[in-house]
């Protein structure tokens, strides 16, 4: 957990014009992985993947020890911070988060 806290701290250091924090990192717990796994599989079927690929997608939510969902909320109503700036902030935060994982 300490590693995740440090990675989130690194994400929060990304430039954020307007201090909107247009992203959230959500830890996906064990109970939610089954549902997420089925969502991955359903999407794979909808885009026409083979049964084998659907099975691979289904396992994505289950095979890692820690699963973090990166969620964005871009607010088009904020005139001072255009949407592309909010996207850049969220991307920078995710980049910092991922880089912090490599450093630990």
PDB file of N, CA and C in Angstrom:
ATOM      1  N   UNK A   1       0.807  -1.198   0.000  1.00  0.00           N
ATOM      2  CA  UNK A   1       0.000   0.000   0.000  1.00  0.00           C
ATOM      3  C   UNK A   1       0.853   1.266   0.000  1.00  0.00           C
ATOM      4  N   UNK A   2       1.999   1.213   0.668  1.00  0.00           N
ATOM      5  CA  UNK A   2       2.881   2.381   0.706  1.00  0.00           C
ATOM      6  C   UNK A   2       3.344   2.744  -0.701  1.00  0.00           C
ATOM      7  N   UNK A   3       3.586   1.722  -1.518  1.00  0.00           N
ATOM      8  CA  UNK A   3       4.011   1.967  -2.893  1.00  0.00           C
ATOM      9  C   UNK A   3       2.913   2.686  -3.672  1.00  0.00           C
ATOM     10  N   UNK A   4       1.674   2.283  -3.486  1.00  0.00           N
ATOM     11  CA  UNK A   4       0.560   2.962  -4.159  1.00  0.00           C
ATOM     12  C   UNK A   4       0.423   4.402  -3.678  1.00  0.00           C
ATOM     13  N   UNK A   5       0.594   4.626  -2.404  1.00  0.00           N
ATOM     14  CA  UNK A   5       0.518   5.994  -1.880  1.00  0.00           C
ATOM     15  C   UNK A   5       1.589   6.886  -2.500  1.00  0.00           C
ATOM     16  N   UNK A   6       2.802   6.348  -2.630  1.00  0.00           N
ATOM     17  CA  UNK A   6       3.876   7.133  -3.247  1.00  0.00           C
ATOM     18  C   UNK A   6       3.582   7.396  -4.722  1.00  0.00           C
ATOM     19  N   UNK A   7       3.023   6.422  -5.404  1.00  0.00           N
ATOM     20  CA  UNK A   7       2.695   6.602  -6.820  1.00  0.00           C
ATOM     21  C   UNK A   7       1.586   7.647  -6.992  1.00  0.00           C
ATOM     22  N   UNK A   8       0.586   7.625  -6.115  1.00  0.00           N
ATOM     23  CA  UNK A   8      -0.475   8.643  -6.170  1.00  0.00           C
ATOM     24  C   UNK A   8       0.103  10.016  -5.851  1.00  0.00           C
ATOM     25  N   UNK A   9       1.005  10.076  -4.881  1.00  0.00           N
ATOM     26  CA  UNK A   9       1.657  11.350  -4.563  1.00  0.00           C
ATOM     27  C   UNK A   9       2.403  11.886  -5.779  1.00  0.00           C
ATOM     28  N   UNK A  10       3.052  11.006  -6.521  1.00  0.00           N
ATOM     29  CA  UNK A  10       3.748  11.420  -7.747  1.00  0.00           C
ATOM     30  C   UNK A  10       2.742  11.911  -8.788  1.00  0.00           C
ATOM     31  N   UNK A  11       1.616  11.243  -8.904  1.00  0.00           N
ATOM     32  CA  UNK A  11       0.580  11.649  -9.860  1.00  0.00           C
ATOM     33  C   UNK A  11       0.061  13.044  -9.528  1.00  0.00           C
ATOM     34  N   UNK A  12      -0.090  13.318  -8.258  1.00  0.00           N
ATOM     35  CA  UNK A  12      -0.601  14.625  -7.836  1.00  0.00           C
ATOM     36  C   UNK A  12       0.373  15.766  -8.116  1.00  0.00           C
ATOM     37  N   UNK A  13       1.609  15.441  -8.441  1.00  0.00           N
ATOM     38  CA  UNK A  13       2.600  16.467  -8.768  1.00  0.00           C
ATOM     39  C   UNK A  13       2.531  16.920 -10.224  1.00  0.00           C
ATOM     40  N   UNK A  14       1.693  16.292 -11.023  1.00  0.00           N
ATOM     41  CA  UNK A  14       1.555  16.683 -12.433  1.00  0.00           C
ATOM     42  C   UNK A  14       0.962  18.090 -12.523  1.00  0.00           C
ATOM     43  N   UNK A  15       1.367  18.863 -13.526  1.00  0.00           N
ATOM     44  CA  UNK A  15       0.776  20.193 -13.701  1.00  0.00           C
ATOM     45  C   UNK A  15      -0.745  20.090 -13.814  1.00  0.00           C
ATOM     46  N   UNK A  16      -1.435  21.006 -13.148  1.00  0.00           N
ATOM     47  CA  UNK A  16      -2.899  20.981 -13.138  1.00  0.00           C
ATOM     48  C   UNK A  16      -3.416  22.408 -13.099  1.00  0.00           C
ATOM     49  N   UNK A  17      -3.440  23.032 -14.260  1.00  0.00           N
ATOM     50  CA  UNK A  17      -3.931  24.400 -14.365  1.00  0.00           C
ATOM     51  C   UNK A  17      -5.379  24.436 -13.882  1.00  0.00           C
ATOM     52  N   UNK A  18      -5.671  25.270 -12.924  1.00  0.00           N
ATOM     53  CA  UNK A  18      -7.017  25.376 -12.397  1.00  0.00           C
ATOM     54  C   UNK A  18      -7.277  24.469 -11.209  1.00  0.00           C
ATOM     55  N   UNK A  19      -6.312  23.612 -10.883  1.00  0.00           N
ATOM     56  CA  UNK A  19      -6.452  22.675  -9.748  1.00  0.00           C
ATOM     57  C   UNK A  19      -7.761  21.886  -9.824  1.00  0.00           C
ATOM     58  N   UNK A  20      -8.075  21.393 -11.009  1.00  0.00           N
ATOM     59  CA  UNK A  20      -9.317  20.633 -11.206  1.00  0.00           C
ATOM     60  C   UNK A  20      -9.178  19.163 -10.823  1.00  0.00           C
ATOM     61  N   UNK A  21      -7.972  18.648 -10.874  1.00  0.00           N
ATOM     62  CA  UNK A  21      -7.709  17.216 -10.677  1.00  0.00           C
ATOM     63  C   UNK A  21      -8.770  16.409 -11.457  1.00  0.00           C
ATOM     64  N   UNK A  22      -8.662  16.419 -12.787  1.00  0.00           N
ATOM     65  CA  UNK A  22      -9.689  15.778 -13.623  1.00  0.00           C
ATOM     66  C   UNK A  22      -9.557  14.262 -13.719  1.00  0.00           C
ATOM     67  N   UNK A  23      -8.892  13.662 -12.770  1.00  0.00           N
ATOM     68  CA  UNK A  23      -8.681  12.215 -12.786  1.00  0.00           C
ATOM     69  C   UNK A  23      -8.865  11.658 -11.377  1.00  0.00           C
ATOM     70  N   UNK A  24      -9.156  10.395 -11.342  1.00  0.00           N
ATOM     71  CA  UNK A  24      -9.235   9.665 -10.076  1.00  0.00           C
ATOM     72  C   UNK A  24      -8.586   8.305 -10.282  1.00  0.00           C
ATOM     73  N   UNK A  25      -7.887   7.853  -9.276  1.00  0.00           N
ATOM     74  CA  UNK A  25      -7.330   6.506  -9.279  1.00  0.00           C
ATOM     75  C   UNK A  25      -8.165   5.699  -8.289  1.00  0.00           C
ATOM     76  N   UNK A  26      -8.738   4.608  -8.773  1.00  0.00           N
ATOM     77  CA  UNK A  26      -9.624   3.795  -7.940  1.00  0.00           C
ATOM     78  C   UNK A  26      -9.046   2.393  -7.841  1.00  0.00           C
ATOM     79  N   UNK A  27      -8.798   1.954  -6.625  1.00  0.00           N
ATOM     80  CA  UNK A  27      -8.312   0.603  -6.392  1.00  0.00           C
ATOM     81  C   UNK A  27      -9.480  -0.365  -6.587  1.00  0.00           C
ATOM     82  N   UNK A  28      -9.305  -1.310  -7.490  1.00  0.00           N
ATOM     83  CA  UNK A  28     -10.356  -2.290  -7.780  1.00  0.00           C
ATOM     84  C   UNK A  28     -10.141  -3.480  -6.849  1.00  0.00           C
ATOM     85  N   UNK A  29     -11.094  -3.690  -5.969  1.00  0.00           N
ATOM     86  CA  UNK A  29     -10.988  -4.765  -4.994  1.00  0.00           C
ATOM     87  C   UNK A  29     -11.311  -6.128  -5.587  1.00  0.00           C
ATOM     88  N   UNK A  30     -11.009  -7.151  -4.831  1.00  0.00           N
ATOM     89  CA  UNK A  30     -11.229  -8.527  -5.284  1.00  0.00           C
ATOM     90  C   UNK A  30     -12.675  -8.794  -5.652  1.00  0.00           C
ATOM     91  N   UNK A  31     -13.620  -8.255  -4.876  1.00  0.00           N
ATOM     92  CA  UNK A  31     -15.038  -8.500  -5.155  1.00  0.00           C
ATOM     93  C   UNK A  31     -15.470  -7.897  -6.487  1.00  0.00           C
ATOM     94  N   UNK A  32     -14.855  -6.790  -6.882  1.00  0.00           N
ATOM     95  CA  UNK A  32     -15.242  -6.121  -8.125  1.00  0.00           C
ATOM     96  C   UNK A  32     -14.557  -6.700  -9.360  1.00  0.00           C
ATOM     97  N   UNK A  33     -13.539  -7.487  -9.166  1.00  0.00           N
ATOM     98  CA  UNK A  33     -12.795  -8.022 -10.310  1.00  0.00           C
ATOM     99  C   UNK A  33     -13.626  -8.961 -11.171  1.00  0.00           C
ATOM    100  N   UNK A  34     -14.503  -9.743 -10.555  1.00  0.00           N
ATOM    101  CA  UNK A  34     -15.337 -10.663 -11.337  1.00  0.00           C
ATOM    102  C   UNK A  34     -16.227  -9.880 -12.297  1.00  0.00           C
ATOM    103  N   UNK A  35     -16.831  -8.817 -11.795  1.00  0.00           N
ATOM    104  CA  UNK A  35     -17.690  -7.998 -12.657  1.00  0.00           C
ATOM    105  C   UNK A  35     -16.881  -7.306 -13.743  1.00  0.00           C
ATOM    106  N   UNK A  36     -15.735  -6.758 -13.371  1.00  0.00           N
ATOM    107  CA  UNK A  36     -14.876  -6.099 -14.356  1.00  0.00           C
ATOM    108  C   UNK A  36     -14.406  -7.103 -15.404  1.00  0.00           C
ATOM    109  N   UNK A  37     -14.095  -8.292 -14.974  1.00  0.00           N
ATOM    110  CA  UNK A  37     -13.667  -9.351 -15.878  1.00  0.00           C
ATOM    111  C   UNK A  37     -14.739  -9.622 -16.940  1.00  0.00           C
ATOM    112  N   UNK A  38     -15.980  -9.676 -16.508  1.00  0.00           N
ATOM    113  CA  UNK A  38     -17.082  -9.910 -17.451  1.00  0.00           C
ATOM    114  C   UNK A  38     -17.297  -8.714 -18.372  1.00  0.00           C
ATOM    115  N   UNK A  39     -17.074  -7.514 -17.884  1.00  0.00           N
ATOM    116  CA  UNK A  39     -17.171  -6.330 -18.747  1.00  0.00           C
ATOM    117  C   UNK A  39     -16.107  -6.363 -19.839  1.00  0.00           C
ATOM    118  N   UNK A  40     -14.880  -6.758 -19.462  1.00  0.00           N
ATOM    119  CA  UNK A  40     -13.819  -6.894 -20.459  1.00  0.00           C
ATOM    120  C   UNK A  40     -14.206  -7.923 -21.525  1.00  0.00           C
ATOM    121  N   UNK A  41     -14.743  -9.050 -21.079  1.00  0.00           N
ATOM    122  CA  UNK A  41     -15.130 -10.111 -22.015  1.00  0.00           C
ATOM    123  C   UNK A  41     -16.265  -9.650 -22.917  1.00  0.00           C
ATOM    124  N   UNK A  42     -17.251  -8.979 -22.346  1.00  0.00           N
ATOM    125  CA  UNK A  42     -18.383  -8.494 -23.154  1.00  0.00           C
ATOM    126  C   UNK A  42     -17.909  -7.519 -24.228  1.00  0.00           C
ATOM    127  N   UNK A  43     -17.023  -6.604 -23.846  1.00  0.00           N
ATOM    128  CA  UNK A  43     -16.495  -5.659 -24.825  1.00  0.00           C
ATOM    129  C   UNK A  43     -15.739  -6.400 -25.934  1.00  0.00           C
ATOM    130  N   UNK A  44     -14.942  -7.380 -25.549  1.00  0.00           N
ATOM    131  CA  UNK A  44     -14.176  -8.147 -26.535  1.00  0.00           C
ATOM    132  C   UNK A  44     -15.113  -8.824 -27.537  1.00  0.00           C
ATOM    133  N   UNK A  45     -16.206  -9.382 -27.038  1.00  0.00           N
ATOM    134  CA  UNK A  45     -17.187 -10.014 -27.945  1.00  0.00           C
ATOM    135  C   UNK A  45     -17.824  -8.976 -28.863  1.00  0.00           C
ATOM    136  N   UNK A  46     -18.158  -7.812 -28.292  1.00  0.00           N
ATOM    137  CA  UNK A  46     -18.816  -6.752 -29.074  1.00  0.00           C
ATOM    138  C   UNK A  46     -17.948  -6.240 -30.205  1.00  0.00           C
ATOM    139  N   UNK A  47     -16.631  -6.234 -30.022  1.00  0.00           N
ATOM    140  CA  UNK A  47     -15.743  -5.751 -31.083  1.00  0.00           C
ATOM    141  C   UNK A  47     -15.283  -6.870 -32.009  1.00  0.00           C
ATOM    142  N   UNK A  48     -15.832  -8.080 -31.796  1.00  0.00           N
ATOM    143  CA  UNK A  48     -15.583  -9.171 -32.732  1.00  0.00           C
ATOM    144  C   UNK A  48     -14.357 -10.021 -32.472  1.00  0.00           C
ATOM    145  N   UNK A  49     -13.862 -10.033 -31.261  1.00  0.00           N
ATOM    146  CA  UNK A  49     -12.694 -10.869 -30.969  1.00  0.00           C
ATOM    147  C   UNK A  49     -13.096 -12.342 -30.941  1.00  0.00           C
ATOM    148  N   UNK A  50     -12.119 -13.191 -31.152  1.00  0.00           N
ATOM    149  CA  UNK A  50     -12.356 -14.635 -31.139  1.00  0.00           C
ATOM    150  C   UNK A  50     -12.644 -15.103 -29.717  1.00  0.00           C
ATOM    151  N   UNK A  51     -13.185 -16.314 -29.599  1.00  0.00           N
ATOM    152  CA  UNK A  51     -13.465 -16.862 -28.269  1.00  0.00           C
ATOM    153  C   UNK A  51     -12.190 -16.949 -27.430  1.00  0.00           C
ATOM    154  N   UNK A  52     -11.089 -17.297 -28.072  1.00  0.00           N
ATOM    155  CA  UNK A  52      -9.811 -17.371 -27.360  1.00  0.00           C
ATOM    156  C   UNK A  52      -9.401 -15.998 -26.826  1.00  0.00           C
ATOM    157  N   UNK A  53      -9.562 -14.971 -27.668  1.00  0.00           N
ATOM    158  CA  UNK A  53      -9.216 -13.614 -27.239  1.00  0.00           C
ATOM    159  C   UNK A  53     -10.169 -13.101 -26.163  1.00  0.00           C
ATOM    160  N   UNK A  54     -11.427 -13.495 -26.237  1.00  0.00           N
ATOM    161  CA  UNK A  54     -12.388 -13.122 -25.195  1.00  0.00           C
ATOM    162  C   UNK A  54     -11.940 -13.699 -23.853  1.00  0.00           C
ATOM    163  N   UNK A  55     -11.478 -14.944 -23.865  1.00  0.00           N
ATOM    164  CA  UNK A  55     -10.993 -15.580 -22.629  1.00  0.00           C
ATOM    165  C   UNK A  55      -9.773 -14.839 -22.077  1.00  0.00           C
ATOM    166  N   UNK A  56      -8.889 -14.404 -22.960  1.00  0.00           N
ATOM    167  CA  UNK A  56      -7.705 -13.643 -22.540  1.00  0.00           C
ATOM    168  C   UNK A  56      -8.134 -12.327 -21.892  1.00  0.00           C
ATOM    169  N   UNK A  57      -9.088 -11.642 -22.526  1.00  0.00           N
ATOM    170  CA  UNK A  57      -9.578 -10.376 -21.978  1.00  0.00           C
ATOM    171  C   UNK A  57     -10.243 -10.594 -20.616  1.00  0.00           C
ATOM    172  N   UNK A  58     -10.971 -11.676 -20.472  1.00  0.00           N
ATOM    173  CA  UNK A  58     -11.647 -11.986 -19.214  1.00  0.00           C
ATOM    174  C   UNK A  58     -10.628 -12.120 -18.074  1.00  0.00           C
ATOM    175  N   UNK A  59      -9.465 -12.681 -18.369  1.00  0.00           N
ATOM    176  CA  UNK A  59      -8.453 -12.908 -17.331  1.00  0.00           C
ATOM    177  C   UNK A  59      -7.672 -11.654 -16.949  1.00  0.00           C
ATOM    178  N   UNK A  60      -7.733 -10.617 -17.767  1.00  0.00           N
ATOM    179  CA  UNK A  60      -6.958  -9.400 -17.497  1.00  0.00           C
ATOM    180  C   UNK A  60      -7.242  -8.816 -16.115  1.00  0.00           C
ATOM    181  N   UNK A  61      -8.480  -8.849 -15.694  1.00  0.00           N
ATOM    182  CA  UNK A  61      -8.841  -8.260 -14.396  1.00  0.00           C
ATOM    183  C   UNK A  61      -8.469  -9.154 -13.228  1.00  0.00           C
ATOM    184  N   UNK A  62      -8.138 -10.396 -13.508  1.00  0.00           N
ATOM    185  CA  UNK A  62      -7.903 -11.349 -12.425  1.00  0.00           C
ATOM    186  C   UNK A  62      -6.437 -11.691 -12.204  1.00  0.00           C
ATOM    187  N   UNK A  63      -5.589 -11.477 -13.198  1.00  0.00           N
ATOM    188  CA  UNK A  63      -4.234 -12.028 -13.106  1.00  0.00           C
ATOM    189  C   UNK A  63      -3.209 -11.120 -12.432  1.00  0.00           C
ATOM    190  N   UNK A  64      -3.556  -9.886 -12.133  1.00  0.00           N
ATOM    191  CA  UNK A  64      -2.600  -8.974 -11.495  1.00  0.00           C
ATOM    192  C   UNK A  64      -2.864  -8.899  -9.994  1.00  0.00           C
ATOM    193  N   UNK A  65      -1.825  -8.597  -9.238  1.00  0.00           N
ATOM    194  CA  UNK A  65      -1.985  -8.556  -7.781  1.00  0.00           C
ATOM    195  C   UNK A  65      -2.716  -7.298  -7.319  1.00  0.00           C
ATOM    196  N   UNK A  66      -2.506  -6.179  -8.015  1.00  0.00           N
ATOM    197  CA  UNK A  66      -3.168  -4.913  -7.689  1.00  0.00           C
ATOM    198  C   UNK A  66      -3.718  -4.325  -8.978  1.00  0.00           C
ATOM    199  N   UNK A  67      -4.951  -3.862  -8.928  1.00  0.00           N
ATOM    200  CA  UNK A  67      -5.584  -3.299 -10.115  1.00  0.00           C
ATOM    201  C   UNK A  67      -6.107  -1.904  -9.787  1.00  0.00           C
ATOM    202  N   UNK A  68      -5.628  -0.912 -10.536  1.00  0.00           N
ATOM    203  CA  UNK A  68      -6.037   0.474 -10.336  1.00  0.00           C
ATOM    204  C   UNK A  68      -6.726   0.940 -11.616  1.00  0.00           C
ATOM    205  N   UNK A  69      -7.933   1.479 -11.458  1.00  0.00           N
ATOM    206  CA  UNK A  69      -8.659   2.068 -12.594  1.00  0.00           C
ATOM    207  C   UNK A  69      -8.365   3.566 -12.603  1.00  0.00           C
ATOM    208  N   UNK A  70      -8.001   4.085 -13.772  1.00  0.00           N
ATOM    209  CA  UNK A  70      -7.715   5.509 -13.923  1.00  0.00           C
ATOM    210  C   UNK A  70      -8.929   6.128 -14.595  1.00  0.00           C
ATOM    211  N   UNK A  71      -9.629   6.987 -13.885  1.00  0.00           N
ATOM    212  CA  UNK A  71     -10.903   7.532 -14.361  1.00  0.00           C
ATOM    213  C   UNK A  71     -10.757   9.026 -14.577  1.00  0.00           C
ATOM    214  N   UNK A  72     -11.229   9.494 -15.734  1.00  0.00           N
ATOM    215  CA  UNK A  72     -11.152  10.917 -16.067  1.00  0.00           C
ATOM    216  C   UNK A  72     -12.539  11.537 -16.072  1.00  0.00           C
ATOM    217  N   UNK A  73     -12.587  12.790 -15.638  1.00  0.00           N
ATOM    218  CA  UNK A  73     -13.792  13.594 -15.770  1.00  0.00           C
ATOM    219  C   UNK A  73     -13.371  14.940 -16.341  1.00  0.00           C
ATOM    220  N   UNK A  74     -13.578  15.092 -17.628  1.00  0.00           N
ATOM    221  CA  UNK A  74     -13.216  16.321 -18.318  1.00  0.00           C
ATOM    222  C   UNK A  74     -14.424  17.243 -18.293  1.00  0.00           C
ATOM    223  N   UNK A  75     -14.241  18.456 -17.784  1.00  0.00           N
ATOM    224  CA  UNK A  75     -15.341  19.400 -17.621  1.00  0.00           C
ATOM    225  C   UNK A  75     -15.251  20.474 -18.707  1.00  0.00           C
ATOM    226  N   UNK A  76     -16.120  20.374 -19.686  1.00  0.00           N
ATOM    227  CA  UNK A  76     -16.115  21.325 -20.803  1.00  0.00           C
ATOM    228  C   UNK A  76     -16.629  22.703 -20.397  1.00  0.00           C
ATOM    229  N   UNK A  77     -17.238  22.811 -19.238  1.00  0.00           N
ATOM    230  CA  UNK A  77     -17.821  24.079 -18.798  1.00  0.00           C
ATOM    231  C   UNK A  77     -16.798  25.013 -18.157  1.00  0.00           C
ATOM    232  N   UNK A  78     -15.593  24.541 -17.936  1.00  0.00           N
ATOM    233  CA  UNK A  78     -14.559  25.377 -17.305  1.00  0.00           C
ATOM    234  C   UNK A  78     -13.817  26.133 -18.407  1.00  0.00           C
ATOM    235  N   UNK A  79     -14.190  27.389 -18.592  1.00  0.00           N
ATOM    236  CA  UNK A  79     -13.618  28.178 -19.683  1.00  0.00           C
ATOM    237  C   UNK A  79     -12.128  28.461 -19.482  1.00  0.00           C
ATOM    238  N   UNK A  80     -11.705  28.585 -18.220  1.00  0.00           N
ATOM    239  CA  UNK A  80     -10.310  28.930 -17.938  1.00  0.00           C
ATOM    240  C   UNK A  80      -9.349  27.794 -18.252  1.00  0.00           C
ATOM    241  N   UNK A  81      -9.863  26.560 -18.267  1.00  0.00           N
ATOM    242  CA  UNK A  81      -9.004  25.395 -18.525  1.00  0.00           C
ATOM    243  C   UNK A  81      -9.651  24.602 -19.662  1.00  0.00           C
ATOM    244  N   UNK A  82      -9.161  24.770 -20.888  1.00  0.00           N
ATOM    245  CA  UNK A  82      -9.758  24.053 -22.016  1.00  0.00           C
ATOM    246  C   UNK A  82      -9.631  22.539 -21.846  1.00  0.00           C
ATOM    247  N   UNK A  83     -10.475  21.823 -22.543  1.00  0.00           N
ATOM    248  CA  UNK A  83     -10.502  20.370 -22.379  1.00  0.00           C
ATOM    249  C   UNK A  83      -9.150  19.737 -22.675  1.00  0.00           C
ATOM    250  N   UNK A  84      -8.443  20.247 -23.678  1.00  0.00           N
ATOM    251  CA  UNK A  84      -7.143  19.631 -23.981  1.00  0.00           C
ATOM    252  C   UNK A  84      -6.173  19.797 -22.813  1.00  0.00           C
ATOM    253  N   UNK A  85      -6.281  20.882 -22.058  1.00  0.00           N
ATOM    254  CA  UNK A  85      -5.443  21.068 -20.888  1.00  0.00           C
ATOM    255  C   UNK A  85      -5.779  20.076 -19.786  1.00  0.00           C
ATOM    256  N   UNK A  86      -7.063  19.771 -19.641  1.00  0.00           N
ATOM    257  CA  UNK A  86      -7.480  18.786 -18.649  1.00  0.00           C
ATOM    258  C   UNK A  86      -6.997  17.388 -19.040  1.00  0.00           C
ATOM    259  N   UNK A  87      -7.087  17.074 -20.339  1.00  0.00           N
ATOM    260  CA  UNK A  87      -6.574  15.785 -20.817  1.00  0.00           C
ATOM    261  C   UNK A  87      -5.076  15.673 -20.561  1.00  0.00           C
ATOM    262  N   UNK A  88      -4.355  16.772 -20.822  1.00  0.00           N
ATOM    263  CA  UNK A  88      -2.907  16.762 -20.612  1.00  0.00           C
ATOM    264  C   UNK A  88      -2.575  16.554 -19.133  1.00  0.00           C
ATOM    265  N   UNK A  89      -3.350  17.168 -18.245  1.00  0.00           N
ATOM    266  CA  UNK A  89      -3.132  16.981 -16.813  1.00  0.00           C
ATOM    267  C   UNK A  89      -3.327  15.518 -16.437  1.00  0.00           C
ATOM    268  N   UNK A  90      -4.429  14.931 -16.895  1.00  0.00           N
ATOM    269  CA  UNK A  90      -4.717  13.531 -16.562  1.00  0.00           C
ATOM    270  C   UNK A  90      -3.640  12.606 -17.118  1.00  0.00           C
ATOM    271  N   UNK A  91      -3.178  12.909 -18.329  1.00  0.00           N
ATOM    272  CA  UNK A  91      -2.119  12.110 -18.931  1.00  0.00           C
ATOM    273  C   UNK A  91      -0.821  12.259 -18.149  1.00  0.00           C
ATOM    274  N   UNK A  92      -0.477  13.483 -17.767  1.00  0.00           N
ATOM    275  CA  UNK A  92       0.732  13.713 -16.991  1.00  0.00           C
ATOM    276  C   UNK A  92       0.689  13.008 -15.644  1.00  0.00           C
ATOM    277  N   UNK A  93      -0.479  13.027 -15.014  1.00  0.00           N
ATOM    278  CA  UNK A  93      -0.634  12.351 -13.726  1.00  0.00           C
ATOM    279  C   UNK A  93      -0.454  10.843 -13.885  1.00  0.00           C
ATOM    280  N   UNK A  94      -1.050  10.281 -14.932  1.00  0.00           N
ATOM    281  CA  UNK A  94      -0.907   8.843 -15.171  1.00  0.00           C
ATOM    282  C   UNK A  94       0.547   8.490 -15.481  1.00  0.00           C
ATOM    283  N   UNK A  95       1.207   9.322 -16.259  1.00  0.00           N
ATOM    284  CA  UNK A  95       2.616   9.089 -16.567  1.00  0.00           C
ATOM    285  C   UNK A  95       3.453   9.098 -15.288  1.00  0.00           C
ATOM    286  N   UNK A  96       3.210  10.081 -14.422  1.00  0.00           N
ATOM    287  CA  UNK A  96       3.936  10.128 -13.150  1.00  0.00           C
ATOM    288  C   UNK A  96       3.654   8.886 -12.308  1.00  0.00           C
ATOM    289  N   UNK A  97       2.390   8.466 -12.280  1.00  0.00           N
ATOM    290  CA  UNK A  97       1.994   7.277 -11.520  1.00  0.00           C
ATOM    291  C   UNK A  97       2.753   6.049 -12.020  1.00  0.00           C
ATOM    292  N   UNK A  98       2.772   5.870 -13.336  1.00  0.00           N
ATOM    293  CA  UNK A  98       3.447   4.703 -13.917  1.00  0.00           C
ATOM    294  C   UNK A  98       4.957   4.774 -13.728  1.00  0.00           C
ATOM    295  N   UNK A  99       5.532   5.955 -13.905  1.00  0.00           N
ATOM    296  CA  UNK A  99       6.976   6.099 -13.698  1.00  0.00           C
ATOM    297  C   UNK A  99       7.355   5.814 -12.250  1.00  0.00           C
ATOM    298  N   UNK A 100       6.509   6.214 -11.322  1.00  0.00           N
ATOM    299  CA  UNK A 100       6.790   5.954  -9.913  1.00  0.00           C
ATOM    300  C   UNK A 100       6.814   4.465  -9.636  1.00  0.00           C
ATOM    301  N   UNK A 101       5.992   3.699 -10.351  1.00  0.00           N
ATOM    302  CA  UNK A 101       5.999   2.248 -10.172  1.00  0.00           C
ATOM    303  C   UNK A 101       7.333   1.656 -10.593  1.00  0.00           C
ATOM    304  N   UNK A 102       7.908   2.191 -11.656  1.00  0.00           N
ATOM    305  CA  UNK A 102       9.199   1.683 -12.132  1.00  0.00           C
ATOM    306  C   UNK A 102      10.335   2.034 -11.191  1.00  0.00           C
ATOM    307  N   UNK A 103      10.189   3.093 -10.422  1.00  0.00           N
ATOM    308  CA  UNK A 103      11.260   3.546  -9.528  1.00  0.00           C
ATOM    309  C   UNK A 103      11.250   2.839  -8.182  1.00  0.00           C
ATOM    310  N   UNK A 104      10.158   2.138  -7.879  1.00  0.00           N
ATOM    311  CA  UNK A 104      10.031   1.509  -6.556  1.00  0.00           C
ATOM    312  C   UNK A 104      10.378   0.059  -6.585  1.00  0.00           C
TER     313      UNK A 104
END
